[in-house]
Amino acid sequence: MNRNLRYLFIALGIGIVCFVLWYFKSIVAYILISSILALIGRPIAGFLHRIHYKKFKVPNALSALLTVAFLWTMILIFFRIFVPLVAHQASELSSIDAESVMNNLRDPIQKVEAFFIKFNISSDNKQSMDQYITEKVMSIVNVSVLSNIFGSIAGALGNIFIAAFSISFITFFFLKDRGLLNDGILLFVPDKFLEKTEHILKSVKKLLTRYFIGIIVQISGIILLVSIGLTIIGVDFSDALVIGLVVGIMNIIPYLGPVIGASLGLVLGLATNLDLPFYSELLPLLGYMAIVFFIVQVIDNVVFQPFIYSSSVNAHPLEIFLVIMISGSMFGITGMILAIPGYTILRVIAKEFFNNLKVVKKLTEKI
């Protein structure tokens, strides 16, 4: 009976904790984002703190404050560069004349449709391909949809300022008092597990710091390479930057992201150059864009991904691939994005508590 009551109280406690985390989900999100920013900023704060001149040494508080200021400066520069470009791109898309677009694409569409008819390839859609594509083009350049998107962004600005202040405040103290987050976690850990938990937190912090910094390097490198490559083949520089941003951000999704990013990039390239003659200029341009995306992806696979997914978290590429696929099948795109940091944490925990198992020894031998 006592054992049953004990299990009941444990289940009740877990339920209460889950409810509290859900109820204060905004604060939990701020803490998680601040933790990531603190991991990224830790090397910077450590470098600043080591600077000294004679007897003067940069205090923890000052190094933390300068690190937070540097992180927000980089974030603001990023938005200062890309938000006007994205807004301009949206404005251009909203001004596209769908009728002239269809006049430019009618001949290739009719040839594709004739090909389908010739080989008896049919669909359940009773619309002609011409009508179907016209409808889709109209939905893409729909002004009301774009205005609703910007209206939603404007409405969220108030919450964004509150979030930015909260995240900055928490990040500052995570950087200033480096053991603050660890101490907060250890408060809930039984004494007999304190030593192992401290070792877990130390290992996780080291691995995730390298991982998140690697992600930033990867995104920045892809944006730069795609933008330069598209500019070389004749895409307008501002359009190339926006496409590079889309491809870089989509690349956060392992394995599937590059395909999504390249597809969206080709769609944007098509949408911003619809005034060009289809066969003589537009089609070759799309082909060159595909080549640029392919070259950048090869560079990503050879240079960036081995550093991020293998070196930073010390796991075999095949192991990482399987984890991402399993997470994706269970939790979708979000699961794929969170698969690597989540798997890293689980491996470190398994090494500390289940290292007597052969499979755990094999999977964690490089940690």
Protein backbone atom coordinates (compact mmCIF):
# COMPACT_ATOMS: atom_id res chain seq x y z
CA MET A 1 0.00 0.00 0.00
CA ASN A 2 2.84 2.39 0.93
CA ARG A 3 4.60 1.63 -2.34
CA ASN A 4 1.41 2.34 -4.31
CA LEU A 5 0.98 5.63 -2.46
CA ARG A 6 4.59 6.52 -3.22
CA TYR A 7 4.08 5.91 -6.95
CA LEU A 8 0.85 7.88 -6.79
CA PHE A 9 2.60 10.87 -5.20
CA ILE A 10 5.45 10.66 -7.74
CA ALA A 11 2.95 10.64 -10.63
CA LEU A 12 1.04 13.51 -9.01
CA GLY A 13 4.27 15.48 -8.60
CA ILE A 14 5.24 14.94 -12.24
CA GLY A 15 1.75 16.01 -13.30
CA ILE A 16 1.96 19.21 -11.22
CA VAL A 17 5.40 20.04 -12.64
CA CYS A 18 4.15 19.52 -16.21
CA PHE A 19 1.11 21.72 -15.54
CA VAL A 20 3.26 24.49 -14.04
CA LEU A 21 5.64 24.34 -17.03
CA TRP A 22 2.69 24.54 -19.43
CA TYR A 23 0.99 27.36 -17.51
CA PHE A 24 4.19 29.44 -17.45
CA LYS A 25 5.26 28.33 -20.95
CA SER A 26 6.25 31.87 -21.96
CA ILE A 27 8.67 32.16 -19.04
CA VAL A 28 10.00 28.66 -19.75
CA ALA A 29 10.56 29.69 -23.39
CA TYR A 30 12.46 32.82 -22.24
CA ILE A 31 14.68 30.68 -20.00
CA LEU A 32 15.40 28.18 -22.79
CA ILE A 33 16.23 30.94 -25.30
CA SER A 34 18.40 32.68 -22.70
CA SER A 35 20.19 29.40 -22.03
CA ILE A 36 20.99 29.02 -25.73
CA LEU A 37 22.20 32.63 -25.99
CA ALA A 38 24.32 32.11 -22.86
CA LEU A 39 25.86 28.99 -24.41
CA ILE A 40 26.65 30.92 -27.60
CA GLY A 41 27.99 33.93 -25.68
CA ARG A 42 30.01 31.95 -23.15
CA PRO A 43 33.25 31.91 -25.23
CA ILE A 44 32.93 35.68 -25.79
CA ALA A 45 32.33 36.41 -22.09
CA GLY A 46 35.22 34.10 -21.15
CA PHE A 47 37.55 35.90 -23.58
CA LEU A 48 36.56 39.33 -22.23
CA HIS A 49 36.96 38.19 -18.64
CA ARG A 50 40.52 36.99 -19.35
CA ILE A 51 41.55 40.43 -20.62
CA HIS A 52 43.64 42.28 -18.06
CA TYR A 53 45.95 45.26 -17.99
CA LYS A 54 48.34 45.37 -15.02
CA LYS A 55 46.02 45.02 -12.02
CA PHE A 56 42.83 45.75 -13.95
CA LYS A 57 40.71 42.76 -14.99
CA VAL A 58 37.33 42.90 -16.72
CA PRO A 59 34.67 42.07 -14.08
CA ASN A 60 32.15 39.30 -14.70
CA ALA A 61 29.28 41.79 -14.77
CA LEU A 62 30.96 43.94 -17.44
CA SER A 63 31.96 40.96 -19.61
CA ALA A 64 28.39 39.62 -19.38
CA LEU A 65 26.92 43.03 -20.24
CA LEU A 66 29.25 43.48 -23.23
CA THR A 67 28.45 39.95 -24.44
CA VAL A 68 24.68 40.55 -24.28
CA ALA A 69 25.18 43.87 -26.10
CA PHE A 70 27.26 42.12 -28.78
CA LEU A 71 24.65 39.36 -29.28
CA TRP A 72 21.81 41.86 -29.64
CA THR A 73 23.91 44.02 -31.98
CA MET A 74 24.41 41.01 -34.26
CA ILE A 75 20.68 40.19 -34.09
CA LEU A 76 19.69 43.81 -34.86
CA ILE A 77 22.17 44.00 -37.76
CA PHE A 78 20.69 40.78 -39.12
CA PHE A 79 17.14 42.17 -38.98
CA ARG A 80 18.26 45.59 -40.24
CA ILE A 81 19.69 43.96 -43.35
CA PHE A 82 17.04 41.37 -44.09
CA VAL A 83 13.68 42.80 -42.93
CA PRO A 84 13.66 45.65 -45.54
CA LEU A 85 14.73 43.17 -48.24
CA VAL A 86 11.96 40.72 -47.33
CA ALA A 87 9.41 43.57 -47.19
CA HIS A 88 10.56 44.76 -50.63
CA GLN A 89 10.32 41.21 -51.97
CA ALA A 90 6.76 40.91 -50.61
CA SER A 91 5.86 44.25 -52.20
CA GLU A 92 7.21 43.08 -55.56
CA LEU A 93 5.28 39.82 -55.37
CA SER A 94 2.07 41.69 -54.54
CA SER A 95 2.48 43.92 -57.61
CA ILE A 96 2.85 41.03 -60.07
CA ASP A 97 0.21 40.99 -62.79
CA ALA A 98 -1.07 37.40 -62.79
CA GLU A 99 -2.50 37.72 -66.30
CA SER A 100 0.83 38.75 -67.84
CA VAL A 101 2.54 35.98 -65.89
CA MET A 102 0.20 33.39 -67.39
CA ASN A 103 0.69 34.82 -70.87
CA ASN A 104 4.43 34.30 -70.42
CA LEU A 105 4.02 30.74 -69.11
CA ARG A 106 1.10 29.61 -71.28
CA ASP A 107 3.21 27.97 -73.98
CA PRO A 108 5.33 25.75 -71.64
CA ILE A 109 2.20 24.90 -69.60
CA GLN A 110 0.37 23.78 -72.73
CA LYS A 111 3.35 21.61 -73.73
CA VAL A 112 3.40 19.95 -70.30
CA GLU A 113 -0.35 19.39 -70.49
CA ALA A 114 -0.01 17.89 -73.98
CA PHE A 115 2.70 15.56 -72.63
CA PHE A 116 0.33 14.37 -69.87
CA ILE A 117 -2.44 13.76 -72.35
CA LYS A 118 -0.13 11.89 -74.73
CA PHE A 119 0.92 9.44 -72.04
CA ASN A 120 -2.55 9.28 -70.51
CA ILE A 121 -1.43 10.85 -67.22
CA SER A 122 -4.53 12.25 -65.60
CA SER A 123 -5.48 13.64 -62.19
CA ASP A 124 -8.69 13.86 -60.20
CA ASN A 125 -8.63 17.64 -60.61
CA LYS A 126 -11.20 18.63 -63.27
CA GLN A 127 -9.50 21.99 -63.88
CA SER A 128 -7.11 22.39 -66.77
CA MET A 129 -3.47 22.87 -65.84
CA ASP A 130 -3.69 26.46 -67.12
CA GLN A 131 -6.60 27.25 -64.79
CA TYR A 132 -4.97 25.48 -61.86
CA ILE A 133 -1.65 27.35 -62.17
CA THR A 134 -3.47 30.67 -62.67
CA GLU A 135 -5.33 30.08 -59.42
CA LYS A 136 -2.10 29.25 -57.58
CA VAL A 137 -0.29 32.33 -58.96
CA MET A 138 -3.19 34.51 -57.82
CA SER A 139 -2.97 33.04 -54.32
CA ILE A 140 0.79 33.67 -54.17
CA VAL A 141 0.50 37.34 -55.13
CA ASN A 142 -2.66 37.96 -53.08
CA VAL A 143 -2.19 41.38 -51.47
CA SER A 144 -4.61 40.71 -48.61
CA VAL A 145 -2.63 37.63 -47.53
CA LEU A 146 0.59 39.64 -47.45
CA SER A 147 -1.05 42.50 -45.55
CA ASN A 148 -2.44 40.04 -42.99
CA ILE A 149 1.06 38.62 -42.45
CA PHE A 150 2.53 42.08 -41.83
CA GLY A 151 -0.45 42.99 -39.64
CA SER A 152 0.21 39.96 -37.47
CA ILE A 153 3.89 40.88 -37.19
CA ALA A 154 3.02 44.45 -36.22
CA GLY A 155 0.54 43.21 -33.61
CA ALA A 156 3.22 41.03 -32.04
CA LEU A 157 5.77 43.83 -31.66
CA GLY A 158 4.62 44.64 -28.12
CA ASN A 159 5.18 41.07 -27.01
CA ILE A 160 8.52 41.02 -28.84
CA PHE A 161 9.81 43.98 -26.80
CA ILE A 162 8.75 42.33 -23.53
CA ALA A 163 10.37 39.06 -24.62
CA ALA A 164 13.58 40.84 -25.71
CA PHE A 165 13.92 42.59 -22.34
CA SER A 166 13.18 39.40 -20.38
CA ILE A 167 15.61 37.30 -22.43
CA SER A 168 18.35 39.96 -22.15
CA PHE A 169 17.89 40.18 -18.37
CA ILE A 170 18.02 36.39 -17.87
CA THR A 171 20.93 35.94 -20.30
CA PHE A 172 22.94 38.61 -18.48
CA PHE A 173 22.71 36.76 -15.18
CA PHE A 174 23.38 33.36 -16.79
CA LEU A 175 26.62 34.84 -18.17
CA LYS A 176 27.52 36.81 -15.04
CA ASP A 177 26.86 34.01 -12.54
CA ARG A 178 28.01 31.05 -14.61
CA GLY A 179 26.79 28.45 -12.15
CA LEU A 180 23.34 30.00 -11.75
CA LEU A 181 21.49 27.67 -14.13
CA ASN A 182 23.41 24.62 -12.87
CA ASP A 183 22.64 25.49 -9.25
CA GLY A 184 18.96 25.92 -10.09
CA ILE A 185 18.83 22.46 -11.68
CA LEU A 186 20.82 20.82 -8.88
CA LEU A 187 18.28 22.05 -6.30
CA PHE A 188 15.88 19.38 -7.57
CA VAL A 189 18.46 16.56 -7.71
CA PRO A 190 18.82 14.07 -4.81
CA ASP A 191 22.20 14.26 -3.02
CA LYS A 192 23.30 10.80 -4.16
CA PHE A 193 23.07 11.91 -7.82
CA LEU A 194 24.69 15.36 -7.41
CA GLU A 195 28.17 14.41 -8.65
CA LYS A 196 26.90 12.63 -11.76
CA THR A 197 24.43 15.43 -12.52
CA GLU A 198 27.17 18.05 -12.24
CA HIS A 199 29.28 16.07 -14.71
CA ILE A 200 26.27 15.75 -17.07
CA LEU A 201 25.64 19.51 -16.99
CA LYS A 202 29.32 20.24 -17.67
CA SER A 203 29.45 17.86 -20.67
CA VAL A 204 26.11 19.04 -22.08
CA LYS A 205 27.17 22.68 -21.81
CA LYS A 206 30.41 21.99 -23.68
CA LEU A 207 28.81 19.96 -26.48
CA LEU A 208 25.80 22.23 -27.01
CA THR A 209 27.98 25.35 -27.04
CA ARG A 210 29.94 23.89 -29.96
CA TYR A 211 26.72 22.74 -31.64
CA PHE A 212 24.88 26.09 -31.54
CA ILE A 213 27.96 28.03 -32.61
CA GLY A 214 28.34 25.53 -35.46
CA ILE A 215 24.71 26.11 -36.51
CA ILE A 216 25.30 29.88 -36.67
CA VAL A 217 28.45 29.34 -38.74
CA GLN A 218 26.55 26.99 -41.07
CA ILE A 219 23.62 29.37 -41.65
CA SER A 220 25.92 32.36 -42.17
CA GLY A 221 28.12 30.41 -44.58
CA ILE A 222 25.17 29.18 -46.64
CA ILE A 223 23.60 32.67 -46.84
CA LEU A 224 26.93 34.10 -48.00
CA LEU A 225 27.66 31.35 -50.56
CA VAL A 226 24.13 31.31 -52.03
CA SER A 227 24.02 35.12 -52.25
CA ILE A 228 27.41 35.32 -53.99
CA GLY A 229 26.60 32.43 -56.33
CA LEU A 230 23.21 33.82 -57.38
CA THR A 231 24.67 37.31 -57.89
CA ILE A 232 27.35 35.84 -60.18
CA ILE A 233 24.75 34.14 -62.42
CA GLY A 234 22.75 37.36 -62.78
CA VAL A 235 20.18 37.43 -59.98
CA ASP A 236 19.69 40.88 -58.44
CA PHE A 237 21.78 41.17 -55.24
CA SER A 238 18.83 42.05 -52.97
CA ASP A 239 16.83 39.09 -54.33
CA ALA A 240 19.90 36.85 -53.94
CA LEU A 241 20.21 37.84 -50.26
CA VAL A 242 16.55 37.02 -49.57
CA ILE A 243 16.85 33.64 -51.33
CA GLY A 244 20.10 32.98 -49.44
CA LEU A 245 18.30 33.76 -46.17
CA VAL A 246 15.48 31.32 -47.01
CA VAL A 247 17.93 28.56 -47.98
CA GLY A 248 20.10 29.16 -44.90
CA ILE A 249 17.20 29.09 -42.43
CA MET A 250 15.63 26.02 -44.03
CA ASN A 251 19.00 24.29 -43.68
CA ILE A 252 18.42 24.16 -39.91
CA ILE A 253 16.16 21.19 -40.70
CA PRO A 254 18.69 18.37 -41.18
CA TYR A 255 18.70 16.46 -44.50
CA LEU A 256 15.19 17.58 -45.56
CA GLY A 257 15.85 21.30 -45.11
CA PRO A 258 18.21 21.77 -48.09
CA VAL A 259 15.57 20.31 -50.46
CA ILE A 260 12.87 22.59 -49.05
CA GLY A 261 15.21 25.60 -49.17
CA ALA A 262 16.29 24.96 -52.76
CA SER A 263 12.66 24.48 -53.86
CA LEU A 264 11.57 27.73 -52.20
CA GLY A 265 14.61 29.47 -53.66
CA LEU A 266 13.67 28.36 -57.18
CA VAL A 267 10.08 29.51 -56.64
CA LEU A 268 11.30 32.95 -55.48
CA GLY A 269 13.71 33.11 -58.41
CA LEU A 270 10.86 32.30 -60.77
CA ALA A 271 8.49 34.80 -59.14
CA THR A 272 10.97 37.70 -59.29
CA ASN A 273 11.99 37.14 -62.91
CA LEU A 274 8.68 36.38 -64.60
CA ASP A 275 9.16 39.26 -67.05
CA LEU A 276 12.01 37.37 -68.75
CA PRO A 277 11.37 35.28 -71.90
CA PHE A 278 10.77 31.74 -70.66
CA TYR A 279 12.93 29.61 -72.99
CA SER A 280 15.79 31.97 -73.76
CA GLU A 281 16.39 33.50 -70.28
CA LEU A 282 14.11 32.32 -67.45
CA LEU A 283 14.62 28.57 -67.88
CA PRO A 284 18.45 28.85 -68.14
CA LEU A 285 18.45 31.13 -65.06
CA LEU A 286 16.53 28.51 -63.04
CA GLY A 287 19.01 25.89 -64.21
CA TYR A 288 21.97 28.01 -63.07
CA MET A 289 20.22 28.60 -59.73
CA ALA A 290 19.82 24.84 -59.29
CA ILE A 291 23.55 24.41 -59.98
CA VAL A 292 24.38 27.06 -57.33
CA PHE A 293 22.17 25.30 -54.77
CA PHE A 294 23.81 21.97 -55.62
CA ILE A 295 27.36 23.35 -55.23
CA VAL A 296 26.49 25.03 -51.92
CA GLN A 297 24.93 21.80 -50.68
CA VAL A 298 28.10 19.87 -51.57
CA ILE A 299 30.16 22.42 -49.62
CA ASP A 300 27.70 22.13 -46.73
CA ASN A 301 27.97 18.33 -46.72
CA VAL A 302 31.76 18.32 -46.95
CA VAL A 303 32.64 21.25 -44.67
CA PHE A 304 29.79 22.45 -42.42
CA GLN A 305 27.81 19.34 -41.51
CA PRO A 306 30.77 17.14 -40.48
CA PHE A 307 31.84 19.92 -38.14
CA ILE A 308 28.37 20.45 -36.65
CA TYR A 309 26.80 16.99 -36.59
CA SER A 310 29.93 14.88 -36.09
CA SER A 311 32.71 16.92 -34.52
CA SER A 312 30.61 19.19 -32.30
CA VAL A 313 28.44 16.46 -30.76
CA ASN A 314 30.93 13.58 -31.29
CA ALA A 315 28.52 11.22 -33.05
CA HIS A 316 28.76 9.15 -36.25
CA PRO A 317 26.93 10.67 -39.29
CA LEU A 318 24.83 7.49 -39.76
CA GLU A 319 23.88 7.59 -36.09
CA ILE A 320 22.82 11.23 -36.48
CA PHE A 321 20.83 10.42 -39.63
CA LEU A 322 18.84 7.66 -37.91
CA VAL A 323 18.12 9.85 -34.88
CA ILE A 324 16.86 12.67 -37.11
CA MET A 325 14.64 10.33 -39.13
CA ILE A 326 13.14 8.79 -35.99
CA SER A 327 12.53 12.21 -34.41
CA GLY A 328 11.02 13.47 -37.66
CA SER A 329 8.62 10.54 -37.94
CA MET A 330 7.51 11.02 -34.32
CA PHE A 331 7.38 14.82 -33.97
CA GLY A 332 7.60 16.20 -37.51
CA ILE A 333 9.80 19.16 -38.51
CA THR A 334 10.14 20.34 -34.90
CA GLY A 335 11.46 16.92 -33.93
CA MET A 336 14.06 17.04 -36.71
CA ILE A 337 15.29 20.46 -35.55
CA LEU A 338 15.52 19.42 -31.90
CA ALA A 339 16.85 15.90 -32.59
CA ILE A 340 20.57 16.69 -32.30
CA PRO A 341 20.56 18.73 -29.06
CA GLY A 342 18.03 16.32 -27.52
CA TYR A 343 20.06 13.26 -28.51
CA THR A 344 23.23 14.89 -27.18
CA ILE A 345 21.63 15.39 -23.75
CA LEU A 346 20.30 11.81 -23.70
CA ARG A 347 23.72 10.37 -24.60
CA VAL A 348 25.44 12.27 -21.80
CA ILE A 349 22.80 11.14 -19.28
CA ALA A 350 23.05 7.53 -20.51
CA LYS A 351 26.83 7.56 -20.16
CA GLU A 352 26.60 8.63 -16.53
CA PHE A 353 23.80 6.32 -15.39
CA PHE A 354 23.81 3.33 -17.79
CA ASN A 355 27.45 2.98 -18.80
CA ASN A 356 27.42 -0.72 -17.83
CA LEU A 357 25.34 -1.48 -20.97
CA LYS A 358 27.35 -2.44 -24.06
CA VAL A 359 25.21 -0.37 -26.46
CA VAL A 360 25.55 2.74 -24.27
CA LYS A 361 29.33 2.26 -24.08
CA LYS A 362 29.53 2.10 -27.87
CA LEU A 363 27.31 5.12 -28.49
CA THR A 364 29.04 7.31 -25.91
CA GLU A 365 32.68 6.25 -26.30
CA LYS A 366 33.65 9.56 -27.99
CA ILE A 367 32.06 11.82 -25.38
